[in-house]
Protein backbone atom coordinates (compact mmCIF):
# COMPACT_ATOMS: atom_id res chain seq x y z
CA MET A 1 -16.43 41.47 5.09
CA ALA A 2 -13.17 42.06 3.23
CA LEU A 3 -14.78 41.30 -0.14
CA ALA A 4 -17.71 43.60 0.65
CA ALA A 5 -15.24 46.36 1.54
CA GLU A 6 -13.44 45.76 -1.77
CA VAL A 7 -16.75 46.08 -3.65
CA PHE A 8 -17.40 49.44 -2.01
CA ARG A 9 -13.83 50.53 -2.75
CA MET A 10 -14.41 49.74 -6.44
CA LEU A 11 -17.66 51.73 -6.35
CA ALA A 12 -15.88 54.76 -4.87
CA ASN A 13 -14.92 55.98 -8.35
CA GLU A 14 -17.24 57.95 -10.63
CA THR A 15 -15.86 56.43 -13.85
CA ARG A 16 -16.36 52.88 -12.57
CA ILE A 17 -19.94 53.71 -11.53
CA GLN A 18 -20.59 55.13 -15.02
CA LEU A 19 -19.18 51.95 -16.58
CA LEU A 20 -21.33 49.71 -14.39
CA TRP A 21 -24.40 51.83 -15.13
CA ALA A 22 -23.71 51.52 -18.87
CA VAL A 23 -23.50 47.71 -18.79
CA ARG A 24 -26.30 47.06 -16.32
CA SER A 25 -28.70 45.94 -19.05
CA ARG A 26 -26.52 45.15 -22.09
CA GLU A 27 -23.07 44.09 -23.17
CA LEU A 28 -20.74 46.72 -24.59
CA PRO A 29 -17.21 46.64 -25.99
CA VAL A 30 -14.47 48.76 -24.43
CA THR A 31 -14.49 51.18 -27.38
CA GLU A 32 -18.16 52.08 -26.83
CA LEU A 33 -17.65 52.26 -23.08
CA ALA A 34 -14.72 54.66 -23.52
CA GLU A 35 -16.86 56.85 -25.75
CA HIS A 36 -19.75 56.67 -23.27
CA VAL A 37 -17.65 57.90 -20.32
CA GLY A 38 -15.48 60.25 -22.39
CA LYS A 39 -12.18 58.68 -21.33
CA PRO A 40 -9.29 57.16 -23.30
CA ILE A 41 -9.54 53.44 -24.06
CA PRO A 42 -6.43 52.52 -21.98
CA ALA A 43 -7.87 54.24 -18.87
CA VAL A 44 -11.25 52.56 -19.35
CA SER A 45 -9.53 49.19 -19.84
CA GLN A 46 -7.76 49.62 -16.50
CA HIS A 47 -11.03 50.43 -14.74
CA LEU A 48 -12.70 47.43 -16.36
CA ALA A 49 -9.84 45.16 -15.30
CA LYS A 50 -10.32 46.27 -11.69
CA LEU A 51 -14.08 45.72 -11.92
CA ARG A 52 -13.48 42.28 -13.39
CA MET A 53 -11.02 41.32 -10.63
CA ALA A 54 -13.61 42.43 -8.06
CA ARG A 55 -16.19 40.23 -9.86
CA LEU A 56 -18.43 43.18 -10.69
CA VAL A 57 -18.29 42.69 -14.47
CA ALA A 58 -17.99 39.62 -16.68
CA THR A 59 -16.58 39.39 -20.18
CA ARG A 60 -17.24 37.62 -23.44
CA ARG A 61 -14.85 37.54 -26.37
CA GLN A 62 -16.18 37.75 -29.90
CA GLY A 63 -13.31 37.80 -32.38
CA PRO A 64 -10.95 40.62 -31.42
CA GLN A 65 -13.61 42.41 -29.32
CA ILE A 66 -14.19 41.86 -25.61
CA TYR A 67 -17.71 42.63 -24.42
CA TYR A 68 -18.43 43.61 -20.83
CA ARG A 69 -21.62 43.05 -18.88
CA ILE A 70 -22.69 43.38 -15.26
CA GLU A 71 -21.68 40.23 -13.35
CA ASN A 72 -25.09 39.46 -11.84
CA GLU A 73 -28.36 40.87 -10.56
CA HIS A 74 -26.84 41.63 -7.14
CA VAL A 75 -24.32 44.01 -8.70
CA ALA A 76 -27.00 45.58 -10.89
CA ARG A 77 -29.21 46.15 -7.84
CA LEU A 78 -26.31 47.60 -5.83
CA VAL A 79 -25.48 50.11 -8.56
CA THR A 80 -29.13 50.99 -9.17
CA ASP A 81 -29.76 51.49 -5.45
CA ALA A 82 -26.65 53.68 -5.12
CA ILE A 83 -27.78 55.88 -8.03
CA HIS A 84 -31.32 56.10 -6.68
CA HIS A 85 -30.04 56.94 -3.20
CA ALA A 86 -27.84 59.71 -4.61
CA GLU A 87 -30.78 61.13 -6.58
CA HIS A 88 -33.04 60.90 -3.52
CA SER A 89 -30.45 62.69 -1.39
CA GLY A 90 -29.95 65.52 -3.89
CA PRO A 91 -31.80 68.83 -4.05
CA ALA A 92 -34.75 67.39 -6.00
CA ARG A 93 -35.14 64.59 -3.41
CA ARG A 94 -36.57 62.20 -5.99
CA HIS A 95 -37.78 58.80 -4.87
CA HIS A 96 -37.87 55.68 -7.04
CA ARG A 97 -40.42 52.91 -6.71
CA GLY A 98 -40.00 49.47 -8.22
CA ASP A 99 -37.93 48.49 -11.19
CA ALA A 100 -40.28 50.02 -13.76
CA GLY A 101 -38.69 53.44 -13.31
CA HIS A 102 -41.66 55.07 -11.55
CA VAL A 103 -40.31 58.23 -9.92
CA THR A 104 -41.97 60.42 -7.32
CA THR A 105 -40.76 63.19 -5.05
CA ALA A 106 -40.00 62.47 -1.38
CA ARG A 107 -43.58 63.60 -0.60
CA GLY A 108 -45.01 60.97 -2.94
CA GLU A 109 -45.87 63.37 -5.78
CA PRO A 110 -45.17 62.44 -9.42
């Protein structure tokens, strides 16, 4: 339970969610991630270090670059479900079906 609570604590930050969303389907270096979230590289590096310690991202070194990727399918699903839940709860009340990206309204309309 403590590790699950730590995972949710890591997800309680918009920048970290943006970083996880960015690496859910591909590896990216910290420079591209910083550009993607519009934050300075040192701040992004600190967020990535926390995500790595919580086992939410994994790394791969290629020369001087470190590439980040989502740790596993469980983390990818957790982030995707959180984003879809937020979208479903918003004013548009959009509902997602399956992994293919099919989106309908809460009433089942496209």
